[in-house]
C-alpha atoms as a PDB file:
ATOM      1  CA  MET A   1       0.000   0.000   0.000  1.00  0.00           C
ATOM      2  CA  ALA A   2       1.190   3.462  -0.826  1.00  0.00           C
ATOM      3  CA  LYS A   3       0.155   6.979  -1.757  1.00  0.00           C
ATOM      4  CA  ARG A   4       1.741   8.992  -4.537  1.00  0.00           C
ATOM      5  CA  TRP A   5       0.964  12.279  -6.233  1.00  0.00           C
ATOM      6  CA  THR A   6       0.201  12.777  -9.921  1.00  0.00           C
ATOM      7  CA  ARG A   7       1.727  15.697 -11.789  1.00  0.00           C
ATOM      8  CA  SER A   8      -1.744  16.996 -12.653  1.00  0.00           C
ATOM      9  CA  PRO A   9      -5.200  16.387 -11.170  1.00  0.00           C
ATOM     10  CA  LEU A  10      -7.302  13.461 -12.390  1.00  0.00           C
ATOM     11  CA  ASP A  11     -10.903  12.552 -11.710  1.00  0.00           C
ATOM     12  CA  PHE A  12     -11.549   9.063 -10.345  1.00  0.00           C
ATOM     13  CA  GLU A  13     -12.863   7.634 -13.623  1.00  0.00           C
ATOM     14  CA  GLY A  14      -9.887   9.027 -15.516  1.00  0.00           C
ATOM     15  CA  ALA A  15      -7.424   7.674 -12.977  1.00  0.00           C
ATOM     16  CA  LEU A  16      -9.123   4.262 -12.987  1.00  0.00           C
ATOM     17  CA  ALA A  17      -9.210   4.063 -16.778  1.00  0.00           C
ATOM     18  CA  ARG A  18      -5.434   4.344 -17.126  1.00  0.00           C
ATOM     19  CA  PRO A  19      -4.461   1.171 -15.207  1.00  0.00           C
ATOM     20  CA  ARG A  20      -7.359  -0.690 -16.849  1.00  0.00           C
ATOM     21  CA  ALA A  21      -6.163   0.267 -20.332  1.00  0.00           C
ATOM     22  CA  SER A  22      -2.623  -0.826 -19.435  1.00  0.00           C
ATOM     23  CA  HIS A  23      -3.802  -4.137 -17.923  1.00  0.00           C
ATOM     24  CA  LEU A  24      -2.495  -3.112 -14.497  1.00  0.00           C
ATOM     25  CA  ALA A  25      -5.874  -3.075 -12.717  1.00  0.00           C
ATOM     26  CA  PHE A  26      -6.504  -5.921 -10.305  1.00  0.00           C
ATOM     27  CA  ASP A  27      -7.769  -9.022 -12.100  1.00  0.00           C
ATOM     28  CA  PRO A  28      -9.266 -11.746  -9.870  1.00  0.00           C
ATOM     29  CA  ASP A  29      -8.465 -14.397 -12.487  1.00  0.00           C
ATOM     30  CA  ARG A  30      -4.767 -13.483 -12.380  1.00  0.00           C
ATOM     31  CA  GLY A  31      -4.861 -12.803  -8.658  1.00  0.00           C
ATOM     32  CA  GLU A  32      -2.773  -9.676  -9.023  1.00  0.00           C
ATOM     33  CA  GLY A  33      -2.897  -6.049 -10.070  1.00  0.00           C
ATOM     34  CA  VAL A  34      -3.335  -2.516  -8.785  1.00  0.00           C
ATOM     35  CA  VAL A  35      -6.285  -1.320  -6.705  1.00  0.00           C
ATOM     36  CA  LEU A  36      -7.038   2.393  -6.450  1.00  0.00           C
ATOM     37  CA  TYR A  37      -8.990   3.284  -3.347  1.00  0.00           C
ATOM     38  CA  ALA A  38     -12.538   4.460  -3.973  1.00  0.00           C
ATOM     39  CA  ASP A  39     -12.017   7.616  -1.948  1.00  0.00           C
ATOM     40  CA  PHE A  40     -11.455  10.392  -4.462  1.00  0.00           C
ATOM     41  CA  PRO A  41      -8.610  12.634  -3.297  1.00  0.00           C
ATOM     42  CA  VAL A  42      -9.853  16.183  -2.787  1.00  0.00           C
ATOM     43  CA  ASP A  43      -6.824  17.562  -4.596  1.00  0.00           C
ATOM     44  CA  GLY A  44      -7.179  15.061  -7.468  1.00  0.00           C
ATOM     45  CA  ARG A  45      -3.475  14.287  -7.145  1.00  0.00           C
ATOM     46  CA  SER A  46      -2.790  12.213  -3.991  1.00  0.00           C
ATOM     47  CA  TRP A  47      -3.772   8.687  -4.984  1.00  0.00           C
ATOM     48  CA  PRO A  48      -3.730   5.858  -2.439  1.00  0.00           C
ATOM     49  CA  TYR A  49      -3.320   2.425  -3.981  1.00  0.00           C
ATOM     50  CA  ALA A  50      -2.385  -1.166  -3.253  1.00  0.00           C
ATOM     51  CA  VAL A  51      -0.436  -3.567  -5.431  1.00  0.00           C
ATOM     52  CA  ILE A  52      -1.308  -7.240  -5.141  1.00  0.00           C
ATOM     53  CA  ALA A  53       1.317  -9.501  -6.661  1.00  0.00           C
ATOM     54  CA  ARG A  54       2.935 -12.898  -6.325  1.00  0.00           C
ATOM     55  CA  SER A  55       6.410 -11.636  -5.476  1.00  0.00           C
ATOM     56  CA  ALA A  56       8.250  -8.530  -4.339  1.00  0.00           C
ATOM     57  CA  GLY A  57       9.740  -8.241  -7.817  1.00  0.00           C
ATOM     58  CA  ASP A  58       6.269  -8.245  -9.365  1.00  0.00           C
ATOM     59  CA  VAL A  59       5.159  -5.529  -6.926  1.00  0.00           C
ATOM     60  CA  GLU A  60       8.091  -3.355  -7.947  1.00  0.00           C
ATOM     61  CA  GLU A  61       7.416  -3.952 -11.646  1.00  0.00           C
ATOM     62  CA  GLN A  62       3.735  -3.045 -11.309  1.00  0.00           C
ATOM     63  CA  GLU A  63       4.504   0.063  -9.216  1.00  0.00           C
ATOM     64  CA  THR A  64       6.975   1.258 -11.835  1.00  0.00           C
ATOM     65  CA  ALA A  65       4.388   0.749 -14.584  1.00  0.00           C
ATOM     66  CA  LEU A  66       1.704   2.494 -12.511  1.00  0.00           C
ATOM     67  CA  ALA A  67       4.015   5.485 -11.953  1.00  0.00           C
ATOM     68  CA  GLU A  68       4.334   5.861 -15.713  1.00  0.00           C
ATOM     69  CA  VAL A  69       0.624   5.338 -16.442  1.00  0.00           C
ATOM     70  CA  LEU A  70      -0.640   7.786 -13.797  1.00  0.00           C
ATOM     71  CA  GLU A  71       2.328  10.147 -14.315  1.00  0.00           C
ATOM     72  CA  PHE A  72       3.377  10.269 -10.671  1.00  0.00           C
ATOM     73  CA  GLU A  73       5.731  13.011  -9.547  1.00  0.00           C
ATOM     74  CA  GLY A  74       9.294  11.776  -9.454  1.00  0.00           C
ATOM     75  CA  GLY A  75       8.609   9.012 -11.981  1.00  0.00           C
END
């Protein structure tokens, strides 16, 4: 679980669509993926999320991909 900030504000649907389009969203059939919390951040930038993966390496890989997809500050 973590919280990171996007470079620019996003609405919840827009933020959710990006991991879905990149196949990063949690998939129960795979048993892994990224979950954005349903609470919309007031600032539209501070996104709490969880990564569910089979290994620490997979978590790191998915977090790196999520940082690119949501355009987190600091990469």
